[in-house]
Amino acid sequence: MQAALCFTRMNKAADPDALLAQIRAMPVADRHRVTAELLDDLDEDFVEPPALLDELRQRAQDALAHPERAISLEDSIAQARAAAAKVRARKA
């Protein structure tokens, strides 16, 4: 699936950074509405592959059946931060 380009009034492709700047300049309520609309559009077009759904279902069943194996909130946050740092390092 290829993303549609957004065009300005002069029929030039809009700069994504300029669009983000415009959205960030909006009042908070309007930003939330724009964000919600974008996420709704994304959700409409996105379908999880059956194999991924099966894996998620199995993980949820395992977690419910064995709560003693659960990861702590602190460990979960630490893992998320480490993953984010790894992505940022790759982009830099």
N, C-alpha and C. Protein backbone atom coordinates (compact mmCIF):
# COMPACT_ATOMS: atom_id res chain seq x y z
N MET A 1 0.84 -1.17 0.00
CA MET A 1 0.00 0.00 0.00
C MET A 1 0.89 1.24 0.00
N GLN A 2 0.63 2.15 -0.89
CA GLN A 2 1.43 3.36 -0.98
C GLN A 2 0.63 4.52 -0.40
N ALA A 3 1.29 5.35 0.39
CA ALA A 3 0.61 6.49 1.01
C ALA A 3 0.27 7.52 -0.05
N ALA A 4 -0.90 8.12 0.10
CA ALA A 4 -1.31 9.18 -0.81
C ALA A 4 -0.54 10.45 -0.48
N LEU A 5 -0.20 11.19 -1.51
CA LEU A 5 0.49 12.45 -1.29
C LEU A 5 -0.52 13.54 -1.00
N CYS A 6 -0.15 14.46 -0.16
CA CYS A 6 -0.98 15.61 0.14
C CYS A 6 -0.45 16.77 -0.70
N PHE A 7 -1.35 17.50 -1.34
CA PHE A 7 -0.92 18.58 -2.21
C PHE A 7 -1.34 19.94 -1.65
N THR A 8 -0.51 20.94 -1.91
CA THR A 8 -0.82 22.31 -1.50
C THR A 8 -1.68 22.96 -2.57
N ARG A 9 -2.05 24.21 -2.35
CA ARG A 9 -2.89 24.93 -3.32
C ARG A 9 -2.19 25.11 -4.66
N MET A 10 -0.89 25.14 -4.67
CA MET A 10 -0.14 25.34 -5.92
C MET A 10 0.12 24.00 -6.61
N ASN A 11 -0.55 22.95 -6.16
CA ASN A 11 -0.45 21.62 -6.76
C ASN A 11 0.95 21.03 -6.63
N LYS A 12 1.66 21.43 -5.56
CA LYS A 12 2.96 20.84 -5.25
C LYS A 12 2.75 19.89 -4.07
N ALA A 13 3.54 18.83 -4.02
CA ALA A 13 3.44 17.91 -2.89
C ALA A 13 3.76 18.67 -1.61
N ALA A 14 2.92 18.48 -0.61
CA ALA A 14 3.11 19.17 0.67
C ALA A 14 4.28 18.56 1.42
N ASP A 15 5.01 19.42 2.10
CA ASP A 15 6.13 18.99 2.92
C ASP A 15 5.59 18.42 4.23
N PRO A 16 5.92 17.17 4.57
CA PRO A 16 5.40 16.58 5.81
C PRO A 16 5.75 17.39 7.05
N ASP A 17 6.95 17.98 7.08
CA ASP A 17 7.34 18.79 8.23
C ASP A 17 6.47 20.04 8.34
N ALA A 18 6.12 20.63 7.19
CA ALA A 18 5.25 21.81 7.20
C ALA A 18 3.85 21.43 7.69
N LEU A 19 3.37 20.27 7.26
CA LEU A 19 2.06 19.81 7.73
C LEU A 19 2.07 19.58 9.23
N LEU A 20 3.13 18.95 9.72
CA LEU A 20 3.23 18.72 11.17
C LEU A 20 3.29 20.04 11.93
N ALA A 21 4.00 21.01 11.39
CA ALA A 21 4.08 22.32 12.04
C ALA A 21 2.71 22.97 12.11
N GLN A 22 1.92 22.83 11.04
CA GLN A 22 0.57 23.39 11.04
C GLN A 22 -0.30 22.70 12.08
N ILE A 23 -0.19 21.39 12.16
CA ILE A 23 -0.99 20.64 13.14
C ILE A 23 -0.57 21.03 14.55
N ARG A 24 0.72 21.15 14.79
CA ARG A 24 1.20 21.50 16.13
C ARG A 24 0.79 22.92 16.53
N ALA A 25 0.56 23.79 15.55
CA ALA A 25 0.14 25.16 15.84
C ALA A 25 -1.35 25.25 16.20
N MET A 26 -2.09 24.19 15.96
CA MET A 26 -3.52 24.18 16.26
C MET A 26 -3.77 24.11 17.76
N PRO A 27 -4.97 24.54 18.18
CA PRO A 27 -5.35 24.32 19.58
C PRO A 27 -5.36 22.82 19.88
N VAL A 28 -5.15 22.48 21.14
CA VAL A 28 -5.03 21.08 21.54
C VAL A 28 -6.25 20.26 21.10
N ALA A 29 -7.44 20.79 21.29
CA ALA A 29 -8.65 20.03 20.93
C ALA A 29 -8.66 19.70 19.44
N ASP A 30 -8.23 20.64 18.61
CA ASP A 30 -8.18 20.39 17.17
C ASP A 30 -7.11 19.36 16.82
N ARG A 31 -5.97 19.44 17.51
CA ARG A 31 -4.90 18.44 17.28
C ARG A 31 -5.40 17.05 17.61
N HIS A 32 -6.14 16.93 18.71
CA HIS A 32 -6.67 15.62 19.10
C HIS A 32 -7.65 15.10 18.05
N ARG A 33 -8.47 16.00 17.51
CA ARG A 33 -9.44 15.59 16.48
C ARG A 33 -8.71 15.12 15.23
N VAL A 34 -7.69 15.86 14.80
CA VAL A 34 -6.91 15.48 13.62
C VAL A 34 -6.22 14.14 13.86
N THR A 35 -5.63 13.98 15.03
CA THR A 35 -4.96 12.72 15.36
C THR A 35 -5.95 11.56 15.34
N ALA A 36 -7.12 11.77 15.92
CA ALA A 36 -8.14 10.71 15.94
C ALA A 36 -8.57 10.34 14.53
N GLU A 37 -8.76 11.33 13.67
CA GLU A 37 -9.15 11.06 12.28
C GLU A 37 -8.07 10.27 11.55
N LEU A 38 -6.81 10.68 11.74
CA LEU A 38 -5.71 9.97 11.08
C LEU A 38 -5.62 8.52 11.56
N LEU A 39 -5.77 8.32 12.86
CA LEU A 39 -5.71 6.96 13.40
C LEU A 39 -6.89 6.12 12.93
N ASP A 40 -8.07 6.73 12.83
CA ASP A 40 -9.23 6.00 12.31
C ASP A 40 -8.99 5.55 10.88
N ASP A 41 -8.44 6.45 10.06
CA ASP A 41 -8.14 6.08 8.67
C ASP A 41 -7.10 4.97 8.60
N LEU A 42 -6.09 5.05 9.45
CA LEU A 42 -5.06 4.01 9.48
C LEU A 42 -5.66 2.68 9.90
N ASP A 43 -6.50 2.69 10.92
CA ASP A 43 -7.12 1.46 11.41
C ASP A 43 -8.01 0.82 10.36
N GLU A 44 -8.71 1.63 9.55
CA GLU A 44 -9.60 1.09 8.53
C GLU A 44 -8.84 0.27 7.49
N ASP A 45 -7.63 0.71 7.17
CA ASP A 45 -6.84 0.06 6.12
C ASP A 45 -5.92 -1.04 6.64
N PHE A 46 -5.80 -1.14 7.96
CA PHE A 46 -4.82 -2.07 8.52
C PHE A 46 -5.51 -3.34 9.00
N VAL A 47 -5.01 -4.46 8.57
CA VAL A 47 -5.53 -5.75 9.00
C VAL A 47 -4.35 -6.60 9.47
N GLU A 48 -4.46 -7.09 10.69
CA GLU A 48 -3.40 -7.94 11.22
C GLU A 48 -3.39 -9.28 10.48
N PRO A 49 -2.22 -9.80 10.14
CA PRO A 49 -2.15 -11.12 9.51
C PRO A 49 -2.67 -12.19 10.48
N PRO A 50 -3.34 -13.21 9.98
CA PRO A 50 -3.89 -14.26 10.85
C PRO A 50 -2.83 -14.90 11.75
N ALA A 51 -1.62 -15.08 11.26
CA ALA A 51 -0.57 -15.70 12.09
C ALA A 51 -0.25 -14.82 13.29
N LEU A 52 -0.22 -13.50 13.09
CA LEU A 52 0.05 -12.60 14.20
C LEU A 52 -1.10 -12.62 15.21
N LEU A 53 -2.33 -12.63 14.71
CA LEU A 53 -3.48 -12.71 15.62
C LEU A 53 -3.44 -13.99 16.44
N ASP A 54 -3.08 -15.10 15.80
CA ASP A 54 -2.97 -16.37 16.53
C ASP A 54 -1.90 -16.29 17.61
N GLU A 55 -0.76 -15.69 17.28
CA GLU A 55 0.32 -15.56 18.26
C GLU A 55 -0.11 -14.68 19.43
N LEU A 56 -0.76 -13.56 19.14
CA LEU A 56 -1.23 -12.66 20.20
C LEU A 56 -2.26 -13.35 21.09
N ARG A 57 -3.15 -14.10 20.47
CA ARG A 57 -4.17 -14.84 21.22
C ARG A 57 -3.51 -15.87 22.14
N GLN A 58 -2.51 -16.58 21.61
CA GLN A 58 -1.81 -17.59 22.40
C GLN A 58 -1.05 -16.95 23.56
N ARG A 59 -0.40 -15.82 23.30
CA ARG A 59 0.32 -15.13 24.37
C ARG A 59 -0.63 -14.67 25.47
N ALA A 60 -1.79 -14.15 25.07
CA ALA A 60 -2.77 -13.70 26.06
C ALA A 60 -3.27 -14.88 26.89
N GLN A 61 -3.55 -16.00 26.24
CA GLN A 61 -4.01 -17.18 26.97
C GLN A 61 -2.93 -17.68 27.93
N ASP A 62 -1.68 -17.69 27.48
CA ASP A 62 -0.58 -18.11 28.35
C ASP A 62 -0.42 -17.18 29.55
N ALA A 63 -0.54 -15.87 29.30
CA ALA A 63 -0.40 -14.89 30.38
C ALA A 63 -1.51 -15.05 31.41
N LEU A 64 -2.73 -15.31 30.93
CA LEU A 64 -3.85 -15.50 31.86
C LEU A 64 -3.72 -16.81 32.63
N ALA A 65 -3.21 -17.83 31.97
CA ALA A 65 -3.08 -19.14 32.62
C ALA A 65 -1.93 -19.18 33.62
N HIS A 66 -0.90 -18.35 33.40
CA HIS A 66 0.29 -18.37 34.26
C HIS A 66 0.68 -16.94 34.66
N PRO A 67 -0.10 -16.30 35.54
CA PRO A 67 0.21 -14.91 35.92
C PRO A 67 1.55 -14.77 36.65
N GLU A 68 2.03 -15.86 37.24
CA GLU A 68 3.31 -15.80 37.97
C GLU A 68 4.49 -15.56 37.03
N ARG A 69 4.31 -15.80 35.75
CA ARG A 69 5.39 -15.60 34.76
C ARG A 69 5.43 -14.17 34.23
N ALA A 70 4.50 -13.35 34.65
CA ALA A 70 4.37 -12.00 34.10
C ALA A 70 5.60 -11.15 34.40
N ILE A 71 5.90 -10.26 33.50
CA ILE A 71 7.00 -9.33 33.68
C ILE A 71 6.50 -8.15 34.52
N SER A 72 7.36 -7.61 35.35
CA SER A 72 6.96 -6.49 36.20
C SER A 72 6.79 -5.23 35.36
N LEU A 73 6.02 -4.29 35.89
CA LEU A 73 5.82 -3.02 35.20
C LEU A 73 7.16 -2.31 34.98
N GLU A 74 8.01 -2.34 35.99
CA GLU A 74 9.31 -1.68 35.88
C GLU A 74 10.16 -2.30 34.78
N ASP A 75 10.16 -3.64 34.71
CA ASP A 75 10.92 -4.32 33.66
C ASP A 75 10.34 -4.01 32.28
N SER A 76 9.03 -3.97 32.20
CA SER A 76 8.37 -3.66 30.94
C SER A 76 8.74 -2.27 30.46
N ILE A 77 8.72 -1.30 31.37
CA ILE A 77 9.09 0.08 31.02
C ILE A 77 10.56 0.14 30.61
N ALA A 78 11.42 -0.56 31.33
CA ALA A 78 12.85 -0.57 30.99
C ALA A 78 13.07 -1.16 29.60
N GLN A 79 12.36 -2.23 29.28
CA GLN A 79 12.50 -2.84 27.95
C GLN A 79 12.02 -1.89 26.86
N ALA A 80 10.90 -1.20 27.11
CA ALA A 80 10.38 -0.25 26.12
C ALA A 80 11.35 0.89 25.90
N ARG A 81 11.93 1.40 26.99
CA ARG A 81 12.91 2.49 26.86
C ARG A 81 14.15 2.03 26.11
N ALA A 82 14.60 0.82 26.38
CA ALA A 82 15.77 0.29 25.68
C ALA A 82 15.49 0.13 24.19
N ALA A 83 14.30 -0.36 23.86
CA ALA A 83 13.93 -0.52 22.45
C ALA A 83 13.86 0.83 21.76
N ALA A 84 13.28 1.83 22.43
CA ALA A 84 13.20 3.17 21.84
C ALA A 84 14.59 3.77 21.65
N ALA A 85 15.47 3.57 22.61
CA ALA A 85 16.84 4.08 22.49
C ALA A 85 17.57 3.41 21.33
N LYS A 86 17.33 2.13 21.14
CA LYS A 86 17.96 1.39 20.05
C LYS A 86 17.50 1.94 18.70
N VAL A 87 16.20 2.23 18.59
CA VAL A 87 15.67 2.79 17.34
C VAL A 87 16.24 4.18 17.10
N ARG A 88 16.29 5.01 18.15
CA ARG A 88 16.86 6.35 18.00
C ARG A 88 18.33 6.29 17.58
N ALA A 89 19.07 5.35 18.15
CA ALA A 89 20.49 5.21 17.80
C ALA A 89 20.65 4.81 16.34
N ARG A 90 19.75 3.95 15.86
CA ARG A 90 19.80 3.53 14.46
C ARG A 90 19.52 4.70 13.52
N LYS A 91 18.60 5.58 13.93
CA LYS A 91 18.23 6.72 13.09
C LYS A 91 19.30 7.79 13.08
N ALA A 92 20.11 7.84 14.14
CA ALA A 92 21.13 8.90 14.25
C ALA A 92 22.33 8.63 13.39
